[in-house]
Amino acid sequence: MNIIVAYTDNLVIGKDNTMPWHIPGDLANFKKTTLGSPIVMGRKTWESLGRPLPGRRNIVITRNASYQATGAECVPTLEAAITAAAADNAQNVFIIGGEQIFRLCLDQCDKVYATEIHANIEGDTYFPALDKTRWKETSRQTQPEENGLTYDFVIYEKA
């Protein structure tokens, strides 16, 4: 199980249920990395997307048993999401947000695929700081500036 996330220097991942930046290169990397794999998200992340992401099994975690997510499968817990994703025999499962889901599954994940945006941007949802004694950076690719923002694609693996 892996996390894929974009966050700023101050660990912001969102504001008002949206990403407070637009970086086409990050979106392309997200698609390339997750295509063909199950993606797991919380209800708020699902609602921010507004539709299922094609080419991926979309699994939404929600406590509301009557919640409908057209084009996605709804489950009540992270454990149920893991079980549903495992049924695909997928090589990778990606947790795509939001804050509560990241905090819930961080200890159970093997890798974090991070887009680190080099800016402090105001927000209301955050990625938990990675404990550098438990997570080791194994890859960093600096990307060209887009929309006034510089960023890197970074992979962290459990130490």
N, C-alpha and C. Protein backbone atom coordinates (compact mmCIF):
# COMPACT_ATOMS: atom_id res chain seq x y z
N MET A 1 0.84 -1.17 0.00
CA MET A 1 0.00 0.00 0.00
C MET A 1 0.89 1.23 0.00
N ASN A 2 0.51 2.22 -0.80
CA ASN A 2 1.32 3.43 -0.97
C ASN A 2 0.44 4.66 -0.80
N ILE A 3 1.07 5.74 -0.44
CA ILE A 3 0.42 7.05 -0.41
C ILE A 3 0.94 7.83 -1.60
N ILE A 4 0.05 8.56 -2.26
CA ILE A 4 0.48 9.55 -3.25
C ILE A 4 -0.15 10.87 -2.84
N VAL A 5 0.69 11.91 -2.75
CA VAL A 5 0.24 13.18 -2.17
C VAL A 5 1.07 14.33 -2.73
N ALA A 6 0.46 15.50 -2.80
CA ALA A 6 1.19 16.74 -3.09
C ALA A 6 1.02 17.64 -1.87
N TYR A 7 2.13 18.19 -1.39
CA TYR A 7 2.06 19.09 -0.24
C TYR A 7 3.11 20.18 -0.37
N THR A 8 2.87 21.26 0.37
CA THR A 8 3.76 22.42 0.36
C THR A 8 4.79 22.30 1.47
N ASP A 9 5.70 23.26 1.52
CA ASP A 9 6.71 23.28 2.58
C ASP A 9 6.08 23.29 3.96
N ASN A 10 4.89 23.90 4.10
CA ASN A 10 4.19 23.93 5.38
C ASN A 10 3.16 22.80 5.48
N LEU A 11 3.30 21.77 4.63
CA LEU A 11 2.53 20.52 4.65
C LEU A 11 1.05 20.69 4.31
N VAL A 12 0.69 21.79 3.66
CA VAL A 12 -0.69 21.98 3.22
C VAL A 12 -0.97 21.04 2.06
N ILE A 13 -2.15 20.37 2.12
CA ILE A 13 -2.60 19.53 1.00
C ILE A 13 -3.90 20.06 0.41
N GLY A 14 -4.55 20.98 1.10
CA GLY A 14 -5.81 21.49 0.56
C GLY A 14 -6.34 22.68 1.31
N LYS A 15 -7.31 23.32 0.67
CA LYS A 15 -8.04 24.43 1.28
C LYS A 15 -9.45 24.43 0.70
N ASP A 16 -10.44 24.47 1.59
CA ASP A 16 -11.85 24.47 1.17
C ASP A 16 -12.16 23.32 0.21
N ASN A 17 -11.61 22.15 0.51
CA ASN A 17 -11.83 20.91 -0.25
C ASN A 17 -11.34 21.00 -1.70
N THR A 18 -10.31 21.80 -1.93
CA THR A 18 -9.66 21.87 -3.24
C THR A 18 -8.15 21.94 -3.01
N MET A 19 -7.38 21.71 -4.07
CA MET A 19 -5.94 21.94 -4.00
C MET A 19 -5.71 23.41 -4.34
N PRO A 20 -5.03 24.16 -3.47
CA PRO A 20 -4.85 25.60 -3.71
C PRO A 20 -3.70 25.93 -4.67
N TRP A 21 -3.48 25.08 -5.66
CA TRP A 21 -2.49 25.31 -6.70
C TRP A 21 -2.92 24.51 -7.92
N HIS A 22 -2.31 24.84 -9.05
CA HIS A 22 -2.56 24.07 -10.26
C HIS A 22 -1.21 23.80 -10.92
N ILE A 23 -0.80 22.54 -10.88
CA ILE A 23 0.48 22.15 -11.44
C ILE A 23 0.23 20.98 -12.40
N PRO A 24 0.12 21.26 -13.70
CA PRO A 24 -0.16 20.20 -14.67
C PRO A 24 0.82 19.02 -14.61
N GLY A 25 2.09 19.29 -14.36
CA GLY A 25 3.08 18.22 -14.28
C GLY A 25 2.80 17.26 -13.13
N ASP A 26 2.31 17.80 -12.02
CA ASP A 26 1.95 16.96 -10.88
C ASP A 26 0.75 16.09 -11.22
N LEU A 27 -0.25 16.67 -11.87
CA LEU A 27 -1.43 15.90 -12.26
C LEU A 27 -1.07 14.78 -13.23
N ALA A 28 -0.17 15.07 -14.17
CA ALA A 28 0.28 14.04 -15.13
C ALA A 28 1.03 12.92 -14.41
N ASN A 29 1.86 13.28 -13.44
CA ASN A 29 2.60 12.28 -12.67
C ASN A 29 1.65 11.42 -11.84
N PHE A 30 0.65 12.04 -11.25
CA PHE A 30 -0.36 11.32 -10.48
C PHE A 30 -1.04 10.28 -11.37
N LYS A 31 -1.46 10.72 -12.55
CA LYS A 31 -2.14 9.81 -13.47
C LYS A 31 -1.23 8.66 -13.88
N LYS A 32 0.00 8.98 -14.28
CA LYS A 32 0.96 7.96 -14.73
C LYS A 32 1.24 6.95 -13.62
N THR A 33 1.36 7.43 -12.39
CA THR A 33 1.72 6.57 -11.27
C THR A 33 0.56 5.67 -10.84
N THR A 34 -0.66 6.20 -10.86
CA THR A 34 -1.80 5.45 -10.32
C THR A 34 -2.60 4.67 -11.35
N LEU A 35 -2.42 4.96 -12.63
CA LEU A 35 -3.22 4.32 -13.68
C LEU A 35 -3.10 2.80 -13.59
N GLY A 36 -4.25 2.12 -13.58
CA GLY A 36 -4.29 0.67 -13.51
C GLY A 36 -4.29 0.11 -12.10
N SER A 37 -4.15 0.97 -11.10
CA SER A 37 -4.13 0.53 -9.70
C SER A 37 -5.37 1.03 -8.97
N PRO A 38 -5.82 0.30 -7.96
CA PRO A 38 -6.92 0.81 -7.13
C PRO A 38 -6.47 2.07 -6.39
N ILE A 39 -7.39 3.02 -6.26
CA ILE A 39 -7.13 4.22 -5.46
C ILE A 39 -8.15 4.28 -4.34
N VAL A 40 -7.69 4.63 -3.16
CA VAL A 40 -8.52 4.69 -1.96
C VAL A 40 -8.53 6.11 -1.46
N MET A 41 -9.72 6.60 -1.14
CA MET A 41 -9.86 7.99 -0.69
C MET A 41 -11.00 8.12 0.30
N GLY A 42 -11.00 9.22 1.03
CA GLY A 42 -12.12 9.55 1.89
C GLY A 42 -13.22 10.24 1.09
N ARG A 43 -14.36 10.40 1.72
CA ARG A 43 -15.52 11.00 1.06
C ARG A 43 -15.25 12.42 0.57
N LYS A 44 -14.58 13.23 1.38
CA LYS A 44 -14.32 14.61 0.97
C LYS A 44 -13.42 14.67 -0.26
N THR A 45 -12.43 13.79 -0.32
CA THR A 45 -11.57 13.75 -1.50
C THR A 45 -12.39 13.34 -2.72
N TRP A 46 -13.25 12.33 -2.54
CA TRP A 46 -14.13 11.91 -3.64
C TRP A 46 -14.95 13.09 -4.14
N GLU A 47 -15.55 13.83 -3.21
CA GLU A 47 -16.40 14.96 -3.60
C GLU A 47 -15.59 16.06 -4.28
N SER A 48 -14.33 16.23 -3.88
CA SER A 48 -13.49 17.25 -4.53
C SER A 48 -13.16 16.86 -5.97
N LEU A 49 -13.06 15.55 -6.24
CA LEU A 49 -12.78 15.09 -7.60
C LEU A 49 -14.00 15.29 -8.50
N GLY A 50 -15.17 15.02 -7.96
CA GLY A 50 -16.41 15.24 -8.71
C GLY A 50 -16.76 14.13 -9.69
N ARG A 51 -15.89 13.14 -9.83
CA ARG A 51 -16.14 12.03 -10.75
C ARG A 51 -15.13 10.93 -10.46
N PRO A 52 -15.41 9.71 -10.93
CA PRO A 52 -14.41 8.66 -10.76
C PRO A 52 -13.22 8.91 -11.68
N LEU A 53 -12.05 8.56 -11.23
CA LEU A 53 -10.87 8.68 -12.07
C LEU A 53 -10.78 7.45 -12.96
N PRO A 54 -10.75 7.64 -14.27
CA PRO A 54 -10.77 6.49 -15.20
C PRO A 54 -9.51 5.65 -15.11
N GLY A 55 -9.67 4.37 -15.43
CA GLY A 55 -8.54 3.46 -15.48
C GLY A 55 -8.06 3.00 -14.13
N ARG A 56 -8.86 3.28 -13.09
CA ARG A 56 -8.50 2.91 -11.73
C ARG A 56 -9.77 2.49 -10.99
N ARG A 57 -9.68 1.52 -10.12
CA ARG A 57 -10.80 1.18 -9.25
C ARG A 57 -10.85 2.25 -8.16
N ASN A 58 -11.96 2.98 -8.07
CA ASN A 58 -12.13 4.05 -7.11
C ASN A 58 -12.85 3.51 -5.88
N ILE A 59 -12.19 3.58 -4.72
CA ILE A 59 -12.76 3.08 -3.47
C ILE A 59 -12.85 4.25 -2.50
N VAL A 60 -14.05 4.49 -1.98
CA VAL A 60 -14.31 5.63 -1.10
C VAL A 60 -14.63 5.12 0.30
N ILE A 61 -13.93 5.64 1.28
CA ILE A 61 -14.19 5.30 2.68
C ILE A 61 -15.16 6.35 3.24
N THR A 62 -16.29 5.87 3.76
CA THR A 62 -17.28 6.76 4.38
C THR A 62 -18.00 6.02 5.49
N ARG A 63 -18.30 6.74 6.56
CA ARG A 63 -19.07 6.15 7.67
C ARG A 63 -20.56 6.12 7.36
N ASN A 64 -20.97 6.86 6.35
CA ASN A 64 -22.39 6.96 5.98
C ASN A 64 -22.76 5.77 5.09
N ALA A 65 -23.47 4.80 5.65
CA ALA A 65 -23.80 3.56 4.92
C ALA A 65 -24.70 3.80 3.72
N SER A 66 -25.40 4.92 3.69
CA SER A 66 -26.30 5.19 2.56
C SER A 66 -25.67 6.11 1.51
N TYR A 67 -24.40 6.48 1.71
CA TYR A 67 -23.73 7.38 0.79
C TYR A 67 -23.55 6.70 -0.58
N GLN A 68 -23.86 7.43 -1.62
CA GLN A 68 -23.72 6.93 -2.99
C GLN A 68 -22.60 7.69 -3.70
N ALA A 69 -21.69 6.97 -4.31
CA ALA A 69 -20.61 7.57 -5.08
C ALA A 69 -20.63 6.90 -6.45
N THR A 70 -21.35 7.48 -7.37
CA THR A 70 -21.52 6.87 -8.70
C THR A 70 -20.17 6.68 -9.38
N GLY A 71 -19.89 5.42 -9.73
CA GLY A 71 -18.63 5.10 -10.37
C GLY A 71 -17.55 4.65 -9.42
N ALA A 72 -17.89 4.62 -8.12
CA ALA A 72 -16.94 4.18 -7.10
C ALA A 72 -17.61 3.18 -6.18
N GLU A 73 -16.79 2.50 -5.43
CA GLU A 73 -17.27 1.55 -4.44
C GLU A 73 -17.11 2.19 -3.07
N CYS A 74 -18.16 2.18 -2.26
CA CYS A 74 -18.10 2.76 -0.92
C CYS A 74 -17.90 1.66 0.11
N VAL A 75 -17.01 1.91 1.05
CA VAL A 75 -16.73 0.98 2.14
C VAL A 75 -16.67 1.77 3.45
N PRO A 76 -16.94 1.09 4.59
CA PRO A 76 -17.02 1.83 5.86
C PRO A 76 -15.69 2.06 6.57
N THR A 77 -14.63 1.30 6.23
CA THR A 77 -13.38 1.39 6.98
C THR A 77 -12.17 1.24 6.06
N LEU A 78 -11.02 1.63 6.57
CA LEU A 78 -9.77 1.43 5.83
C LEU A 78 -9.54 -0.06 5.60
N GLU A 79 -9.84 -0.88 6.60
CA GLU A 79 -9.65 -2.32 6.46
C GLU A 79 -10.51 -2.86 5.31
N ALA A 80 -11.75 -2.40 5.21
CA ALA A 80 -12.64 -2.84 4.12
C ALA A 80 -12.10 -2.37 2.77
N ALA A 81 -11.50 -1.19 2.74
CA ALA A 81 -10.92 -0.67 1.50
C ALA A 81 -9.73 -1.53 1.08
N ILE A 82 -8.90 -1.91 2.03
CA ILE A 82 -7.74 -2.76 1.75
C ILE A 82 -8.20 -4.12 1.22
N THR A 83 -9.22 -4.67 1.85
CA THR A 83 -9.76 -5.96 1.41
C THR A 83 -10.31 -5.86 -0.01
N ALA A 84 -11.06 -4.78 -0.29
CA ALA A 84 -11.62 -4.59 -1.63
C ALA A 84 -10.51 -4.44 -2.67
N ALA A 85 -9.49 -3.67 -2.36
CA ALA A 85 -8.39 -3.46 -3.30
C ALA A 85 -7.60 -4.76 -3.51
N ALA A 86 -7.44 -5.54 -2.45
CA ALA A 86 -6.69 -6.79 -2.55
C ALA A 86 -7.38 -7.79 -3.47
N ALA A 87 -8.68 -7.68 -3.61
CA ALA A 87 -9.43 -8.60 -4.48
C ALA A 87 -9.00 -8.45 -5.94
N ASP A 88 -8.42 -7.31 -6.30
CA ASP A 88 -7.94 -7.08 -7.66
C ASP A 88 -6.57 -7.71 -7.92
N ASN A 89 -5.92 -8.21 -6.87
CA ASN A 89 -4.55 -8.71 -6.97
C ASN A 89 -3.63 -7.67 -7.60
N ALA A 90 -3.88 -6.42 -7.29
CA ALA A 90 -3.09 -5.32 -7.85
C ALA A 90 -1.71 -5.30 -7.21
N GLN A 91 -0.73 -4.93 -8.02
CA GLN A 91 0.63 -4.82 -7.52
C GLN A 91 0.75 -3.63 -6.56
N ASN A 92 0.00 -2.56 -6.84
CA ASN A 92 0.04 -1.37 -5.99
C ASN A 92 -1.37 -0.90 -5.69
N VAL A 93 -1.56 -0.39 -4.48
CA VAL A 93 -2.78 0.30 -4.07
C VAL A 93 -2.32 1.67 -3.62
N PHE A 94 -3.04 2.72 -4.06
CA PHE A 94 -2.65 4.08 -3.71
C PHE A 94 -3.71 4.75 -2.85
N ILE A 95 -3.27 5.28 -1.71
CA ILE A 95 -4.11 6.11 -0.86
C ILE A 95 -3.93 7.53 -1.37
N ILE A 96 -5.05 8.20 -1.74
CA ILE A 96 -4.93 9.52 -2.37
C ILE A 96 -5.49 10.66 -1.51
N GLY A 97 -5.92 10.38 -0.29
CA GLY A 97 -6.37 11.46 0.59
C GLY A 97 -7.71 11.19 1.20
N GLY A 98 -8.09 12.09 2.01
CA GLY A 98 -7.46 13.31 2.48
C GLY A 98 -6.73 13.12 3.80
N GLU A 99 -6.70 14.22 4.55
CA GLU A 99 -5.89 14.27 5.77
C GLU A 99 -6.21 13.13 6.72
N GLN A 100 -7.46 12.89 7.03
CA GLN A 100 -7.82 11.84 7.99
C GLN A 100 -7.38 10.47 7.50
N ILE A 101 -7.57 10.20 6.21
CA ILE A 101 -7.20 8.90 5.65
C ILE A 101 -5.68 8.75 5.65
N PHE A 102 -4.94 9.81 5.32
CA PHE A 102 -3.48 9.74 5.37
C PHE A 102 -3.01 9.41 6.79
N ARG A 103 -3.56 10.10 7.78
CA ARG A 103 -3.15 9.85 9.17
C ARG A 103 -3.49 8.42 9.59
N LEU A 104 -4.63 7.93 9.14
CA LEU A 104 -5.09 6.59 9.50
C LEU A 104 -4.18 5.51 8.92
N CYS A 105 -3.67 5.70 7.73
CA CYS A 105 -2.95 4.61 7.06
C CYS A 105 -1.45 4.78 6.97
N LEU A 106 -0.89 5.88 7.42
CA LEU A 106 0.53 6.14 7.23
C LEU A 106 1.40 4.99 7.75
N ASP A 107 1.08 4.46 8.91
CA ASP A 107 1.90 3.38 9.48
C ASP A 107 1.78 2.08 8.70
N GLN A 108 0.71 1.92 7.94
CA GLN A 108 0.50 0.68 7.20
C GLN A 108 1.07 0.73 5.78
N CYS A 109 1.51 1.90 5.34
CA CYS A 109 2.00 2.06 3.98
C CYS A 109 3.49 1.75 3.89
N ASP A 110 3.91 1.37 2.67
CA ASP A 110 5.30 1.03 2.42
C ASP A 110 6.08 2.18 1.77
N LYS A 111 5.36 2.97 0.94
CA LYS A 111 6.00 4.08 0.23
C LYS A 111 5.09 5.30 0.26
N VAL A 112 5.74 6.45 0.18
CA VAL A 112 5.03 7.72 -0.01
C VAL A 112 5.59 8.34 -1.28
N TYR A 113 4.72 8.54 -2.26
CA TYR A 113 5.05 9.25 -3.49
C TYR A 113 4.60 10.68 -3.28
N ALA A 114 5.55 11.58 -3.05
CA ALA A 114 5.22 12.95 -2.69
C ALA A 114 5.62 13.93 -3.78
N THR A 115 4.75 14.87 -4.05
CA THR A 115 5.13 16.05 -4.80
C THR A 115 5.34 17.13 -3.76
N GLU A 116 6.59 17.54 -3.60
CA GLU A 116 6.92 18.56 -2.60
C GLU A 116 7.00 19.91 -3.30
N ILE A 117 6.03 20.76 -2.97
CA ILE A 117 5.92 22.08 -3.58
C ILE A 117 6.65 23.07 -2.68
N HIS A 118 7.61 23.79 -3.27
CA HIS A 118 8.47 24.67 -2.48
C HIS A 118 7.85 26.04 -2.33
N ALA A 119 6.82 26.08 -1.48
CA ALA A 119 6.12 27.33 -1.16
C ALA A 119 5.35 27.09 0.12
N ASN A 120 5.06 28.18 0.82
CA ASN A 120 4.14 28.14 1.96
C ASN A 120 2.83 28.70 1.46
N ILE A 121 1.82 27.86 1.41
CA ILE A 121 0.51 28.24 0.89
C ILE A 121 -0.51 28.04 2.00
N GLU A 122 -1.44 28.97 2.11
CA GLU A 122 -2.47 28.89 3.13
C GLU A 122 -3.41 27.72 2.83
N GLY A 123 -3.79 26.99 3.88
CA GLY A 123 -4.70 25.88 3.69
C GLY A 123 -5.38 25.49 4.98
N ASP A 124 -6.24 24.46 4.89
CA ASP A 124 -6.93 23.99 6.08
C ASP A 124 -6.83 22.48 6.26
N THR A 125 -6.12 21.81 5.37
CA THR A 125 -5.84 20.38 5.54
C THR A 125 -4.36 20.15 5.30
N TYR A 126 -3.81 19.20 6.07
CA TYR A 126 -2.36 19.02 6.11
C TYR A 126 -1.97 17.55 6.01
N PHE A 127 -0.79 17.33 5.47
CA PHE A 127 -0.19 16.00 5.47
C PHE A 127 0.62 15.87 6.75
N PRO A 128 0.57 14.72 7.42
CA PRO A 128 1.38 14.57 8.64
C PRO A 128 2.87 14.57 8.30
N ALA A 129 3.66 15.21 9.14
CA ALA A 129 5.11 15.23 8.94
C ALA A 129 5.65 13.81 9.01
N LEU A 130 6.52 13.47 8.07
CA LEU A 130 7.13 12.14 8.07
C LEU A 130 8.25 12.08 9.09
N ASP A 131 8.23 11.06 9.91
CA ASP A 131 9.29 10.82 10.88
C ASP A 131 10.52 10.32 10.12
N LYS A 132 11.55 11.14 10.04
CA LYS A 132 12.73 10.82 9.22
C LYS A 132 13.51 9.62 9.77
N THR A 133 13.22 9.18 10.99
CA THR A 133 13.86 7.97 11.49
C THR A 133 13.12 6.72 10.98
N ARG A 134 11.90 6.89 10.49
CA ARG A 134 11.11 5.77 9.98
C ARG A 134 10.96 5.77 8.47
N TRP A 135 11.21 6.93 7.84
CA TRP A 135 11.04 7.07 6.39
C TRP A 135 12.35 7.56 5.78
N LYS A 136 12.78 6.88 4.72
CA LYS A 136 14.03 7.24 4.06
C LYS A 136 13.72 7.71 2.64
N GLU A 137 14.27 8.85 2.27
CA GLU A 137 14.14 9.35 0.90
C GLU A 137 14.96 8.46 -0.03
N THR A 138 14.31 7.90 -1.06
CA THR A 138 15.02 7.01 -1.99
C THR A 138 15.11 7.58 -3.40
N SER A 139 14.37 8.65 -3.67
CA SER A 139 14.39 9.24 -5.01
C SER A 139 13.91 10.68 -4.92
N ARG A 140 14.56 11.56 -5.70
CA ARG A 140 14.12 12.96 -5.80
C ARG A 140 14.39 13.42 -7.22
N GLN A 141 13.33 13.93 -7.87
CA GLN A 141 13.46 14.46 -9.22
C GLN A 141 12.94 15.90 -9.23
N THR A 142 13.84 16.85 -9.42
CA THR A 142 13.46 18.25 -9.49
C THR A 142 12.73 18.49 -10.81
N GLN A 143 11.63 19.23 -10.73
CA GLN A 143 10.79 19.48 -11.90
C GLN A 143 10.91 20.94 -12.31
N PRO A 144 10.60 21.23 -13.57
CA PRO A 144 10.63 22.64 -14.01
C PRO A 144 9.50 23.44 -13.36
N GLU A 145 9.75 24.71 -13.16
CA GLU A 145 8.76 25.60 -12.56
C GLU A 145 7.48 25.63 -13.40
N GLU A 146 6.35 25.61 -12.71
CA GLU A 146 5.05 25.73 -13.37
C GLU A 146 4.17 26.68 -12.56
N ASN A 147 3.52 27.58 -13.24
CA ASN A 147 2.61 28.54 -12.58
C ASN A 147 3.26 29.22 -11.38
N GLY A 148 4.56 29.52 -11.52
CA GLY A 148 5.29 30.22 -10.46
C GLY A 148 5.70 29.34 -9.29
N LEU A 149 5.55 28.03 -9.41
CA LEU A 149 5.88 27.12 -8.31
C LEU A 149 6.98 26.15 -8.73
N THR A 150 7.93 25.95 -7.84
CA THR A 150 8.95 24.92 -8.04
C THR A 150 8.57 23.72 -7.18
N TYR A 151 8.93 22.52 -7.66
CA TYR A 151 8.53 21.32 -6.93
C TYR A 151 9.41 20.14 -7.34
N ASP A 152 9.38 19.12 -6.49
CA ASP A 152 10.13 17.88 -6.72
C ASP A 152 9.19 16.70 -6.57
N PHE A 153 9.46 15.64 -7.34
CA PHE A 153 8.83 14.35 -7.11
C PHE A 153 9.77 13.56 -6.21
N VAL A 154 9.27 13.13 -5.05
CA VAL A 154 10.11 12.45 -4.06
C VAL A 154 9.44 11.13 -3.66
N ILE A 155 10.23 10.10 -3.51
CA ILE A 155 9.74 8.83 -2.99
C ILE A 155 10.41 8.56 -1.66
N TYR A 156 9.58 8.25 -0.68
CA TYR A 156 10.05 7.84 0.65
C TYR A 156 9.66 6.38 0.87
N GLU A 157 10.56 5.59 1.45
CA GLU A 157 10.28 4.22 1.79
C GLU A 157 10.53 4.03 3.27
N LYS A 158 9.80 3.09 3.86
CA LYS A 158 10.02 2.81 5.28
C LYS A 158 11.46 2.38 5.50
N ALA A 159 12.07 2.96 6.52
CA ALA A 159 13.47 2.65 6.83
C ALA A 159 13.58 1.31 7.54
